[in-house]
């Protein structure tokens, strides 16, 4: 069982997995703005594997082709995970909220066309300048 939670500890979660999930970095401008950093790092997990306790606030962001439901801690407002109508049943967990996050391995980088110039991506890690082909992306995460 993998555990994690928000900054203040009011929200805690478990992911029904035996091993830490693979994570990826997204360098798009939206992730830069939302994270306040050069990129965001996240894990894709089956929503049915995620059990969350504590005060969650949901904020829906609607665009022309999808609805993203962002989940934040109701106390410290840390973003914990989101779901997206284009990827039903998948939770996008913010990697920094996973306990033992220092043990995670970044398996791929996406939207690298927007990366900060000082960010270097190792040649051994798959990356795509925009949205990756789904099959390639999933293969990279599971290698």
N, C-alpha and C. Protein backbone atom coordinates (compact mmCIF):
# COMPACT_ATOMS: atom_id res chain seq x y z
N UNK A 1 0.84 -1.17 0.00
CA UNK A 1 0.00 0.00 0.00
C UNK A 1 0.90 1.25 0.00
N UNK A 2 0.59 2.15 -0.90
CA UNK A 2 1.31 3.42 -0.99
C UNK A 2 0.48 4.47 -0.27
N UNK A 3 1.14 5.34 0.48
CA UNK A 3 0.43 6.37 1.22
C UNK A 3 0.93 7.75 0.83
N UNK A 4 0.08 8.75 1.07
CA UNK A 4 0.46 10.12 0.80
C UNK A 4 -0.53 11.07 1.42
N UNK A 5 -0.29 12.37 1.20
CA UNK A 5 -1.19 13.36 1.74
C UNK A 5 -0.74 14.77 1.45
N UNK A 6 -1.53 15.70 1.93
CA UNK A 6 -1.27 17.12 1.70
C UNK A 6 -0.19 17.65 2.64
N UNK A 7 0.08 18.92 2.51
CA UNK A 7 1.12 19.58 3.31
C UNK A 7 0.79 19.58 4.80
N UNK A 8 -0.47 19.84 5.16
CA UNK A 8 -0.81 19.96 6.59
C UNK A 8 -1.21 18.63 7.22
N UNK A 9 -1.47 17.61 6.41
CA UNK A 9 -1.84 16.31 6.94
C UNK A 9 -3.34 16.09 7.10
N UNK A 10 -4.16 17.09 6.81
CA UNK A 10 -5.61 16.92 6.95
C UNK A 10 -6.17 15.94 5.93
N UNK A 11 -5.56 15.90 4.73
CA UNK A 11 -5.96 14.94 3.70
C UNK A 11 -4.88 13.86 3.62
N UNK A 12 -5.34 12.63 3.69
CA UNK A 12 -4.43 11.49 3.54
C UNK A 12 -5.06 10.56 2.50
N UNK A 13 -4.21 9.78 1.85
CA UNK A 13 -4.72 8.82 0.87
C UNK A 13 -3.86 7.58 0.85
N UNK A 14 -4.44 6.52 0.31
CA UNK A 14 -3.70 5.30 0.02
C UNK A 14 -3.94 4.96 -1.44
N UNK A 15 -2.93 4.36 -2.04
CA UNK A 15 -3.04 3.82 -3.39
C UNK A 15 -2.79 2.33 -3.25
N UNK A 16 -3.73 1.52 -3.71
CA UNK A 16 -3.65 0.07 -3.56
C UNK A 16 -2.65 -0.51 -4.56
N UNK A 17 -1.38 -0.21 -4.34
CA UNK A 17 -0.27 -0.75 -5.13
C UNK A 17 0.80 -1.24 -4.17
N UNK A 18 1.56 -2.23 -4.60
CA UNK A 18 2.65 -2.73 -3.77
C UNK A 18 3.93 -1.91 -3.95
N UNK A 19 4.11 -1.34 -5.13
CA UNK A 19 5.32 -0.57 -5.42
C UNK A 19 4.96 0.86 -5.77
N UNK A 20 5.91 1.77 -5.58
CA UNK A 20 5.68 3.16 -5.96
C UNK A 20 5.33 3.24 -7.44
N UNK A 21 4.41 4.10 -7.81
CA UNK A 21 4.03 4.21 -9.22
C UNK A 21 5.09 4.98 -10.01
N UNK A 22 5.18 4.72 -11.31
CA UNK A 22 6.07 5.52 -12.14
C UNK A 22 5.51 6.94 -12.26
N UNK A 23 6.39 7.91 -12.39
CA UNK A 23 5.94 9.29 -12.51
C UNK A 23 6.51 9.91 -13.78
N UNK A 24 5.89 11.00 -14.20
CA UNK A 24 6.36 11.74 -15.37
C UNK A 24 6.33 13.23 -15.06
N UNK A 25 7.12 13.99 -15.80
CA UNK A 25 7.15 15.44 -15.65
C UNK A 25 6.45 16.07 -16.84
N UNK A 26 5.60 17.05 -16.55
CA UNK A 26 4.93 17.81 -17.59
C UNK A 26 5.45 19.24 -17.55
N UNK A 27 5.94 19.71 -18.69
CA UNK A 27 6.56 21.02 -18.80
C UNK A 27 5.64 22.06 -19.44
N UNK A 28 4.35 21.75 -19.61
CA UNK A 28 3.45 22.70 -20.28
C UNK A 28 3.28 23.96 -19.42
N UNK A 29 2.85 25.03 -20.07
CA UNK A 29 2.67 26.29 -19.35
C UNK A 29 1.61 26.20 -18.26
N UNK A 30 0.58 25.40 -18.48
CA UNK A 30 -0.46 25.26 -17.45
C UNK A 30 0.14 24.64 -16.20
N UNK A 31 0.92 23.57 -16.35
CA UNK A 31 1.54 22.93 -15.18
C UNK A 31 2.56 23.85 -14.52
N UNK A 32 3.27 24.64 -15.31
CA UNK A 32 4.20 25.60 -14.73
C UNK A 32 3.45 26.60 -13.86
N UNK A 33 2.35 27.11 -14.37
CA UNK A 33 1.59 28.12 -13.62
C UNK A 33 0.91 27.54 -12.39
N UNK A 34 0.33 26.35 -12.53
CA UNK A 34 -0.37 25.74 -11.41
C UNK A 34 0.62 25.33 -10.31
N UNK A 35 1.78 24.82 -10.69
CA UNK A 35 2.75 24.37 -9.69
C UNK A 35 3.62 25.51 -9.17
N UNK A 36 3.71 26.61 -9.95
CA UNK A 36 4.60 27.68 -9.56
C UNK A 36 6.05 27.29 -9.73
N UNK A 37 6.29 26.29 -10.57
CA UNK A 37 7.63 25.75 -10.76
C UNK A 37 7.89 25.54 -12.25
N UNK A 38 9.00 24.92 -12.57
CA UNK A 38 9.38 24.70 -13.96
C UNK A 38 8.56 23.60 -14.62
N UNK A 39 8.01 22.70 -13.83
CA UNK A 39 7.21 21.58 -14.35
C UNK A 39 6.46 20.97 -13.18
N UNK A 40 5.53 20.09 -13.50
CA UNK A 40 4.86 19.32 -12.44
C UNK A 40 5.22 17.85 -12.64
N UNK A 41 5.20 17.11 -11.56
CA UNK A 41 5.51 15.68 -11.60
C UNK A 41 4.30 14.95 -11.04
N UNK A 42 3.85 13.94 -11.78
CA UNK A 42 2.64 13.24 -11.37
C UNK A 42 2.67 11.77 -11.74
N UNK A 43 1.76 11.04 -11.11
CA UNK A 43 1.59 9.60 -11.36
C UNK A 43 0.15 9.36 -11.82
N UNK A 44 0.01 8.51 -12.82
CA UNK A 44 -1.32 8.08 -13.26
C UNK A 44 -1.66 6.79 -12.54
N UNK A 45 -2.76 6.79 -11.82
CA UNK A 45 -3.19 5.57 -11.13
C UNK A 45 -4.68 5.36 -11.37
N UNK A 46 -5.09 4.13 -11.35
CA UNK A 46 -6.52 3.84 -11.48
C UNK A 46 -7.28 4.48 -10.33
N UNK A 47 -8.32 5.21 -10.65
CA UNK A 47 -9.09 5.90 -9.61
C UNK A 47 -9.64 4.93 -8.57
N UNK A 48 -9.93 3.70 -8.98
CA UNK A 48 -10.45 2.71 -8.05
C UNK A 48 -9.40 2.26 -7.04
N UNK A 49 -8.11 2.54 -7.32
CA UNK A 49 -7.03 2.18 -6.40
C UNK A 49 -6.78 3.25 -5.34
N UNK A 50 -7.38 4.41 -5.50
CA UNK A 50 -7.14 5.57 -4.65
C UNK A 50 -8.25 5.72 -3.61
N UNK A 51 -7.88 5.76 -2.34
CA UNK A 51 -8.82 6.00 -1.25
C UNK A 51 -8.36 7.25 -0.52
N UNK A 52 -9.23 8.25 -0.45
CA UNK A 52 -8.88 9.56 0.12
C UNK A 52 -9.74 9.85 1.34
N UNK A 53 -9.11 10.37 2.40
CA UNK A 53 -9.84 10.82 3.58
C UNK A 53 -9.45 12.27 3.87
N UNK A 54 -10.38 13.01 4.46
CA UNK A 54 -10.10 14.39 4.83
C UNK A 54 -10.89 15.36 3.98
N UNK A 55 -10.75 16.64 4.31
CA UNK A 55 -11.55 17.67 3.64
C UNK A 55 -11.03 18.02 2.25
N UNK A 56 -11.74 17.60 1.23
CA UNK A 56 -11.34 17.85 -0.16
C UNK A 56 -12.24 18.93 -0.76
N UNK A 57 -11.62 19.86 -1.46
CA UNK A 57 -12.33 20.85 -2.25
C UNK A 57 -12.13 20.48 -3.71
N UNK A 58 -13.19 20.47 -4.49
CA UNK A 58 -13.10 20.16 -5.91
C UNK A 58 -13.33 21.43 -6.71
N UNK A 59 -12.43 21.69 -7.63
CA UNK A 59 -12.58 22.82 -8.56
C UNK A 59 -12.55 22.28 -9.97
N UNK A 60 -13.60 22.50 -10.72
CA UNK A 60 -13.67 22.01 -12.09
C UNK A 60 -13.23 23.09 -13.06
N UNK A 61 -12.36 22.69 -13.96
CA UNK A 61 -11.88 23.57 -15.02
C UNK A 61 -12.41 22.99 -16.33
N UNK A 62 -13.27 23.75 -17.00
CA UNK A 62 -13.93 23.28 -18.21
C UNK A 62 -13.31 23.99 -19.41
N UNK A 63 -12.89 23.19 -20.40
CA UNK A 63 -12.41 23.73 -21.67
C UNK A 63 -13.28 23.16 -22.77
N UNK A 64 -12.97 23.48 -24.03
CA UNK A 64 -13.83 23.03 -25.12
C UNK A 64 -13.85 21.50 -25.28
N UNK A 65 -12.82 20.80 -24.79
CA UNK A 65 -12.78 19.36 -25.04
C UNK A 65 -12.69 18.49 -23.78
N UNK A 66 -12.71 19.11 -22.58
CA UNK A 66 -12.62 18.28 -21.38
C UNK A 66 -12.98 19.08 -20.14
N UNK A 67 -13.26 18.32 -19.07
CA UNK A 67 -13.43 18.89 -17.74
C UNK A 67 -12.39 18.25 -16.84
N UNK A 68 -11.58 19.08 -16.21
CA UNK A 68 -10.58 18.62 -15.26
C UNK A 68 -11.09 18.95 -13.86
N UNK A 69 -11.23 17.92 -13.03
CA UNK A 69 -11.70 18.10 -11.66
C UNK A 69 -10.50 18.04 -10.73
N UNK A 70 -10.06 19.21 -10.27
CA UNK A 70 -8.90 19.34 -9.40
C UNK A 70 -9.31 19.13 -7.95
N UNK A 71 -8.54 18.34 -7.20
CA UNK A 71 -8.83 18.11 -5.78
C UNK A 71 -7.75 18.74 -4.92
N UNK A 72 -8.17 19.59 -4.00
CA UNK A 72 -7.28 20.31 -3.10
C UNK A 72 -7.65 19.97 -1.66
N UNK A 73 -6.67 20.06 -0.76
CA UNK A 73 -6.97 19.96 0.67
C UNK A 73 -7.80 21.16 1.06
N UNK A 74 -8.87 20.95 1.80
CA UNK A 74 -9.73 22.03 2.25
C UNK A 74 -9.10 22.89 3.33
N UNK A 75 -8.01 22.45 3.92
CA UNK A 75 -7.33 23.21 4.97
C UNK A 75 -6.14 24.00 4.42
N UNK A 76 -5.17 23.31 3.81
CA UNK A 76 -3.93 23.98 3.36
C UNK A 76 -3.95 24.33 1.87
N UNK A 77 -4.98 23.87 1.16
CA UNK A 77 -5.18 24.12 -0.27
C UNK A 77 -4.12 23.49 -1.17
N UNK A 78 -3.39 22.52 -0.66
CA UNK A 78 -2.43 21.78 -1.50
C UNK A 78 -3.21 20.97 -2.53
N UNK A 79 -2.74 21.02 -3.79
CA UNK A 79 -3.37 20.22 -4.84
C UNK A 79 -2.89 18.78 -4.68
N UNK A 80 -3.83 17.85 -4.55
CA UNK A 80 -3.50 16.46 -4.27
C UNK A 80 -3.60 15.59 -5.53
N UNK A 81 -4.70 15.71 -6.25
CA UNK A 81 -4.86 14.94 -7.49
C UNK A 81 -5.98 15.54 -8.33
N UNK A 82 -6.09 15.05 -9.55
CA UNK A 82 -7.21 15.46 -10.40
C UNK A 82 -7.65 14.29 -11.26
N UNK A 83 -8.84 14.44 -11.81
CA UNK A 83 -9.34 13.53 -12.83
C UNK A 83 -9.70 14.38 -14.04
N UNK A 84 -9.86 13.72 -15.17
CA UNK A 84 -10.07 14.43 -16.42
C UNK A 84 -11.08 13.64 -17.24
N UNK A 85 -12.06 14.31 -17.81
CA UNK A 85 -13.11 13.62 -18.57
C UNK A 85 -12.57 12.91 -19.80
N UNK A 86 -11.41 13.28 -20.29
CA UNK A 86 -10.82 12.58 -21.45
C UNK A 86 -10.13 11.28 -21.04
N UNK A 87 -9.86 11.13 -19.74
CA UNK A 87 -9.24 9.90 -19.22
C UNK A 87 -10.08 9.37 -18.07
N UNK A 88 -11.26 8.84 -18.36
CA UNK A 88 -12.12 8.36 -17.28
C UNK A 88 -11.41 7.26 -16.47
N UNK A 89 -11.65 7.27 -15.18
CA UNK A 89 -11.15 6.25 -14.25
C UNK A 89 -9.67 6.37 -13.93
N UNK A 90 -9.01 7.45 -14.38
CA UNK A 90 -7.59 7.66 -14.08
C UNK A 90 -7.46 8.87 -13.15
N UNK A 91 -6.74 8.68 -12.05
CA UNK A 91 -6.43 9.78 -11.14
C UNK A 91 -5.00 10.21 -11.41
N UNK A 92 -4.77 11.51 -11.50
CA UNK A 92 -3.45 12.08 -11.72
C UNK A 92 -2.99 12.62 -10.36
N UNK A 93 -2.16 11.84 -9.68
CA UNK A 93 -1.72 12.16 -8.33
C UNK A 93 -0.46 13.00 -8.40
N UNK A 94 -0.42 14.11 -7.66
CA UNK A 94 0.77 14.95 -7.60
C UNK A 94 1.85 14.20 -6.84
N UNK A 95 2.96 13.96 -7.52
CA UNK A 95 4.01 13.10 -7.00
C UNK A 95 4.58 13.59 -5.67
N UNK A 96 4.63 14.89 -5.48
CA UNK A 96 5.16 15.43 -4.23
C UNK A 96 4.31 15.13 -3.02
N UNK A 97 3.08 14.68 -3.23
CA UNK A 97 2.20 14.34 -2.11
C UNK A 97 2.37 12.88 -1.68
N UNK A 98 3.10 12.10 -2.46
CA UNK A 98 3.32 10.69 -2.14
C UNK A 98 4.39 10.59 -1.06
N UNK A 99 4.08 9.87 0.03
CA UNK A 99 5.09 9.60 1.05
C UNK A 99 6.24 8.86 0.34
N UNK A 100 7.45 9.13 0.75
CA UNK A 100 8.63 8.50 0.12
C UNK A 100 8.83 9.02 -1.31
N UNK A 101 8.37 10.23 -1.59
CA UNK A 101 8.50 10.77 -2.95
C UNK A 101 9.95 10.85 -3.42
N UNK A 102 10.87 10.91 -2.49
CA UNK A 102 12.29 10.94 -2.86
C UNK A 102 12.75 9.64 -3.52
N UNK A 103 11.95 8.60 -3.43
CA UNK A 103 12.29 7.31 -4.05
C UNK A 103 11.69 7.14 -5.44
N UNK A 104 10.88 8.10 -5.90
CA UNK A 104 10.23 8.00 -7.20
C UNK A 104 11.24 8.16 -8.34
N UNK A 105 10.94 7.54 -9.47
CA UNK A 105 11.75 7.68 -10.67
C UNK A 105 10.93 8.33 -11.77
N UNK A 106 11.44 9.41 -12.32
CA UNK A 106 10.75 10.09 -13.43
C UNK A 106 11.03 9.30 -14.71
N UNK A 107 9.98 8.73 -15.27
CA UNK A 107 10.12 7.81 -16.40
C UNK A 107 9.92 8.49 -17.75
N UNK A 108 9.39 9.73 -17.79
CA UNK A 108 9.13 10.40 -19.06
C UNK A 108 8.93 11.90 -18.82
N UNK A 109 9.11 12.66 -19.89
CA UNK A 109 8.87 14.11 -19.86
C UNK A 109 7.97 14.45 -21.05
N UNK A 110 6.94 15.27 -20.80
CA UNK A 110 6.04 15.67 -21.88
C UNK A 110 5.99 17.20 -21.97
N UNK A 111 5.56 17.68 -23.12
CA UNK A 111 5.49 19.12 -23.42
C UNK A 111 6.84 19.80 -23.22
N UNK A 112 7.89 19.12 -23.66
CA UNK A 112 9.24 19.67 -23.48
C UNK A 112 9.51 20.88 -24.36
N UNK A 113 8.67 21.14 -25.35
CA UNK A 113 8.82 22.36 -26.16
C UNK A 113 8.68 23.60 -25.30
N UNK A 114 8.07 23.47 -24.11
CA UNK A 114 7.83 24.60 -23.22
C UNK A 114 8.71 24.58 -21.97
N UNK A 115 9.66 23.66 -21.94
CA UNK A 115 10.50 23.53 -20.73
C UNK A 115 11.37 24.77 -20.55
N UNK A 116 11.70 25.02 -19.32
CA UNK A 116 12.64 26.09 -19.02
C UNK A 116 14.00 25.72 -19.60
N UNK A 117 14.71 26.68 -20.16
CA UNK A 117 15.98 26.42 -20.83
C UNK A 117 17.04 25.78 -19.97
N UNK A 118 16.98 25.99 -18.67
CA UNK A 118 17.98 25.43 -17.77
C UNK A 118 17.68 24.00 -17.33
N UNK A 119 16.48 23.49 -17.66
CA UNK A 119 16.12 22.12 -17.31
C UNK A 119 16.73 21.17 -18.34
N UNK A 120 17.55 20.27 -17.87
CA UNK A 120 18.16 19.27 -18.75
C UNK A 120 17.48 17.93 -18.55
N UNK A 121 17.08 17.32 -19.64
CA UNK A 121 16.43 16.01 -19.60
C UNK A 121 17.43 14.97 -20.07
N UNK A 122 17.69 13.96 -19.27
CA UNK A 122 18.66 12.93 -19.67
C UNK A 122 18.25 12.25 -20.98
N UNK A 123 19.23 11.95 -21.81
CA UNK A 123 18.97 11.27 -23.09
C UNK A 123 18.31 9.91 -22.90
N UNK A 124 18.49 9.31 -21.74
CA UNK A 124 17.97 7.97 -21.47
C UNK A 124 16.50 7.97 -21.06
N UNK A 125 15.92 9.16 -20.88
CA UNK A 125 14.51 9.25 -20.46
C UNK A 125 13.67 9.70 -21.65
N UNK A 126 12.65 8.94 -22.02
CA UNK A 126 11.80 9.34 -23.15
C UNK A 126 11.16 10.70 -22.92
N UNK A 127 11.08 11.48 -23.99
CA UNK A 127 10.45 12.79 -23.89
C UNK A 127 9.78 13.13 -25.21
N UNK A 128 8.77 14.02 -25.12
CA UNK A 128 8.02 14.45 -26.29
C UNK A 128 7.82 15.96 -26.21
N UNK A 129 7.92 16.66 -27.33
CA UNK A 129 7.75 18.12 -27.32
C UNK A 129 6.31 18.56 -27.03
N UNK A 130 5.36 17.71 -27.31
CA UNK A 130 3.94 18.02 -27.08
C UNK A 130 3.28 16.79 -26.45
N UNK A 131 2.03 16.54 -26.80
CA UNK A 131 1.31 15.36 -26.30
C UNK A 131 1.92 14.11 -26.92
N UNK A 132 2.32 13.13 -26.11
CA UNK A 132 2.90 11.91 -26.69
C UNK A 132 1.82 10.97 -27.21
N UNK A 133 2.18 10.12 -28.17
CA UNK A 133 1.24 9.05 -28.56
C UNK A 133 0.99 8.17 -27.32
N UNK A 134 -0.25 7.87 -27.06
CA UNK A 134 -0.63 7.18 -25.84
C UNK A 134 0.14 5.88 -25.63
N UNK A 135 0.24 5.05 -26.64
CA UNK A 135 0.91 3.76 -26.50
C UNK A 135 2.39 3.94 -26.12
N UNK A 136 3.06 4.91 -26.76
CA UNK A 136 4.47 5.18 -26.45
C UNK A 136 4.62 5.68 -25.02
N UNK A 137 3.70 6.57 -24.61
CA UNK A 137 3.75 7.14 -23.28
C UNK A 137 3.56 6.07 -22.22
N UNK A 138 2.56 5.22 -22.38
CA UNK A 138 2.31 4.14 -21.43
C UNK A 138 3.50 3.19 -21.39
N UNK A 139 4.07 2.88 -22.54
CA UNK A 139 5.25 1.99 -22.57
C UNK A 139 6.41 2.62 -21.81
N UNK A 140 6.60 3.92 -21.97
CA UNK A 140 7.70 4.61 -21.26
C UNK A 140 7.48 4.55 -19.74
N UNK A 141 6.26 4.76 -19.31
CA UNK A 141 5.98 4.73 -17.87
C UNK A 141 6.17 3.33 -17.29
N UNK A 142 5.96 2.32 -18.09
CA UNK A 142 6.02 0.94 -17.59
C UNK A 142 7.31 0.22 -17.91
N UNK A 143 8.31 0.94 -18.36
CA UNK A 143 9.58 0.27 -18.69
C UNK A 143 10.38 -0.07 -17.46
